């Protein structure tokens, strides 16, 4: 049997070990408290001459594993939030509708405007790169891009009222 003074001497190491196991201050405190309580309750099982920290850390580890298994089996398994997250579907019809509207509006643009939008907005080329590819000045790239964006927005806006009212 050990003394409570000997157990108090091991508290620093036990608290650090509980923190390593749980990685959470409040859970570590609960684990530490449960370990000390269990060690005092089972003090008659402690063999004199053996390492008190090894014995109490084994108790702590067993309590931690038991709590982890209980949590995994009951709390996480039957948590309705996790079930709801798995069953939630994103509204693909809205994305598909937006995509088809943009595609339709893009087809109404002139080939020059459509090409500028594709190179800059879709492929991510810089103005200088587009200037080199199309063999036009950078200023022309910028003005075409500006007009293409305005025209695309106008086309998309003209489609919007049609499906909102229907």
Protein backbone atom coordinates (compact mmCIF):
# COMPACT_ATOMS: atom_id res chain seq x y z
CA UNK A 1 0.00 0.00 0.00
CA UNK A 2 1.25 3.50 -0.81
CA UNK A 3 0.73 6.76 1.03
CA UNK A 4 -1.22 9.73 -0.26
CA UNK A 5 1.99 11.76 0.00
CA UNK A 6 3.63 9.44 -2.51
CA UNK A 7 0.63 9.86 -4.83
CA UNK A 8 0.83 13.66 -4.48
CA UNK A 9 4.50 13.49 -5.48
CA UNK A 10 3.47 11.82 -8.78
CA UNK A 11 0.72 14.33 -9.66
CA UNK A 12 2.87 16.46 -11.96
CA UNK A 13 3.87 13.52 -14.14
CA UNK A 14 0.31 12.14 -14.11
CA UNK A 15 -1.16 15.49 -15.19
CA UNK A 16 1.31 15.74 -18.09
CA UNK A 17 0.51 12.17 -19.12
CA UNK A 18 -3.24 12.84 -19.01
CA UNK A 19 -2.73 15.92 -21.20
CA UNK A 20 -0.76 13.86 -23.74
CA UNK A 21 -3.56 11.32 -23.89
CA UNK A 22 -6.53 13.67 -24.16
CA UNK A 23 -5.00 16.80 -25.74
CA UNK A 24 -7.69 18.79 -23.94
CA UNK A 25 -7.30 20.54 -20.58
CA UNK A 26 -10.74 19.79 -19.13
CA UNK A 27 -10.68 16.15 -20.28
CA UNK A 28 -7.15 15.81 -18.91
CA UNK A 29 -8.30 17.14 -15.53
CA UNK A 30 -11.22 14.68 -15.47
CA UNK A 31 -8.93 11.80 -16.41
CA UNK A 32 -6.40 12.79 -13.77
CA UNK A 33 -9.10 13.01 -11.09
CA UNK A 34 -10.57 9.61 -12.07
CA UNK A 35 -7.10 8.07 -11.96
CA UNK A 36 -6.33 9.41 -8.48
CA UNK A 37 -9.71 8.23 -7.20
CA UNK A 38 -9.24 4.76 -8.69
CA UNK A 39 -5.67 4.54 -7.32
CA UNK A 40 -6.89 5.38 -3.81
CA UNK A 41 -9.78 2.90 -4.10
CA UNK A 42 -7.46 0.12 -5.32
CA UNK A 43 -4.47 1.00 -3.14
CA UNK A 44 -4.52 -2.48 -1.58
CA UNK A 45 -3.56 -3.94 -5.02
CA UNK A 46 -0.37 -1.88 -5.17
CA UNK A 47 2.72 -4.01 -4.53
CA UNK A 48 5.31 -2.43 -2.24
CA UNK A 49 8.62 -1.74 -3.94
CA UNK A 50 7.10 -1.26 -7.40
CA UNK A 51 7.00 2.04 -9.28
CA UNK A 52 3.95 4.10 -8.25
CA UNK A 53 3.96 6.20 -11.44
CA UNK A 54 4.00 3.09 -13.63
CA UNK A 55 1.08 1.63 -11.70
CA UNK A 56 -1.00 4.83 -11.74
CA UNK A 57 -0.19 5.60 -15.38
CA UNK A 58 -1.42 2.11 -16.30
CA UNK A 59 -4.66 2.87 -14.44
CA UNK A 60 -4.90 6.19 -16.29
CA UNK A 61 -4.31 4.58 -19.67
CA UNK A 62 -6.96 1.90 -18.99
CA UNK A 63 -9.51 4.55 -17.96
CA UNK A 64 -8.67 6.59 -21.07
CA UNK A 65 -9.10 3.59 -23.39
CA UNK A 66 -12.37 2.60 -21.73
CA UNK A 67 -13.73 6.12 -22.10
CA UNK A 68 -12.56 6.30 -25.71
CA UNK A 69 -14.27 3.01 -26.58
CA UNK A 70 -17.47 4.08 -24.83
CA UNK A 71 -17.48 7.37 -26.70
CA UNK A 72 -16.77 5.69 -30.03
CA UNK A 73 -19.46 3.10 -29.50
CA UNK A 74 -22.30 5.15 -28.10
CA UNK A 75 -21.83 8.89 -28.36
CA UNK A 76 -20.33 9.23 -31.84
CA UNK A 77 -22.19 6.33 -33.39
CA UNK A 78 -25.59 7.70 -32.44
CA UNK A 79 -24.87 11.40 -32.79
CA UNK A 80 -27.66 12.66 -35.07
CA UNK A 81 -25.51 15.54 -36.30
CA UNK A 82 -23.12 13.13 -38.02
CA UNK A 83 -26.01 11.27 -39.64
CA UNK A 84 -27.52 14.51 -40.89
CA UNK A 85 -24.21 15.67 -42.32
CA UNK A 86 -23.84 12.45 -44.28
CA UNK A 87 -27.38 12.67 -45.66
CA UNK A 88 -27.21 16.31 -46.73
CA UNK A 89 -26.94 16.81 -50.47
CA UNK A 90 -25.87 20.00 -52.15
CA UNK A 91 -28.47 21.51 -54.48
CA UNK A 92 -26.86 20.58 -57.78
CA UNK A 93 -29.84 21.77 -59.80
CA UNK A 94 -29.06 25.41 -58.89
CA UNK A 95 -25.42 25.01 -59.90
CA UNK A 96 -26.42 23.28 -63.14
CA UNK A 97 -28.95 26.03 -63.89
CA UNK A 98 -26.37 28.76 -63.32
CA UNK A 99 -23.82 26.91 -65.42
CA UNK A 100 -26.26 26.44 -68.30
CA UNK A 101 -27.22 30.14 -68.13
CA UNK A 102 -23.56 31.20 -68.27
CA UNK A 103 -22.91 28.74 -71.10
CA UNK A 104 -25.89 30.05 -73.07
CA UNK A 105 -24.78 33.65 -72.48
CA UNK A 106 -21.20 32.81 -73.52
CA UNK A 107 -22.44 31.40 -76.82
CA UNK A 108 -24.17 34.72 -77.56
CA UNK A 109 -20.87 36.62 -77.25
CA UNK A 110 -18.69 37.43 -80.21
CA UNK A 111 -15.80 34.99 -80.81
CA UNK A 112 -13.27 37.66 -79.78
CA UNK A 113 -15.02 38.32 -76.46
CA UNK A 114 -15.59 34.63 -75.78
CA UNK A 115 -11.92 33.92 -76.50
CA UNK A 116 -10.68 36.69 -74.17
CA UNK A 117 -12.92 35.47 -71.34
CA UNK A 118 -11.78 31.89 -71.78
CA UNK A 119 -8.08 32.77 -71.82
CA UNK A 120 -8.14 35.14 -68.84
CA UNK A 121 -11.02 33.97 -66.63
CA UNK A 122 -11.00 30.22 -67.29
CA UNK A 123 -7.40 29.41 -68.18
CA UNK A 124 -5.96 32.08 -65.89
CA UNK A 125 -3.53 33.64 -68.33
CA UNK A 126 -2.12 37.12 -67.63
CA UNK A 127 -2.94 40.06 -69.87
CA UNK A 128 0.60 40.04 -71.29
CA UNK A 129 0.34 36.32 -72.13
CA UNK A 130 -3.01 36.83 -73.86
CA UNK A 131 -1.53 39.77 -75.75
CA UNK A 132 1.26 37.52 -76.99
CA UNK A 133 -1.07 34.60 -77.88
CA UNK A 134 -3.58 36.75 -79.80
CA UNK A 135 -0.91 39.11 -81.20
CA UNK A 136 -2.75 42.23 -80.02
CA UNK A 137 -1.67 45.07 -77.68
CA UNK A 138 -2.25 44.71 -73.91
CA UNK A 139 -4.58 47.73 -73.98
CA UNK A 140 -6.78 45.96 -76.52
CA UNK A 141 -6.85 42.86 -74.29
CA UNK A 142 -8.04 44.98 -71.37
CA UNK A 143 -10.73 46.81 -73.32
CA UNK A 144 -12.02 43.59 -74.94
CA UNK A 145 -12.11 41.91 -71.55
CA UNK A 146 -14.05 44.82 -70.05
CA UNK A 147 -16.58 44.83 -72.90
CA UNK A 148 -16.83 41.02 -72.81
CA UNK A 149 -17.60 41.04 -69.08
CA UNK A 150 -20.23 43.75 -69.52
CA UNK A 151 -21.85 41.91 -72.41
CA UNK A 152 -21.78 38.59 -70.52
CA UNK A 153 -23.40 40.21 -67.47
CA UNK A 154 -26.09 41.76 -69.68
CA UNK A 155 -26.80 38.38 -71.28
CA UNK A 156 -26.98 36.62 -67.91
CA UNK A 157 -29.26 39.35 -66.50
CA UNK A 158 -31.60 38.99 -69.46
CA UNK A 159 -31.99 35.27 -68.66
CA UNK A 160 -32.60 35.81 -64.94
CA UNK A 161 -36.15 37.25 -65.06
CA UNK A 162 -37.28 34.35 -67.27
CA UNK A 163 -36.72 31.63 -64.71
CA UNK A 164 -37.59 33.72 -61.62
CA UNK A 165 -41.15 34.40 -62.81
CA UNK A 166 -41.83 30.89 -64.05
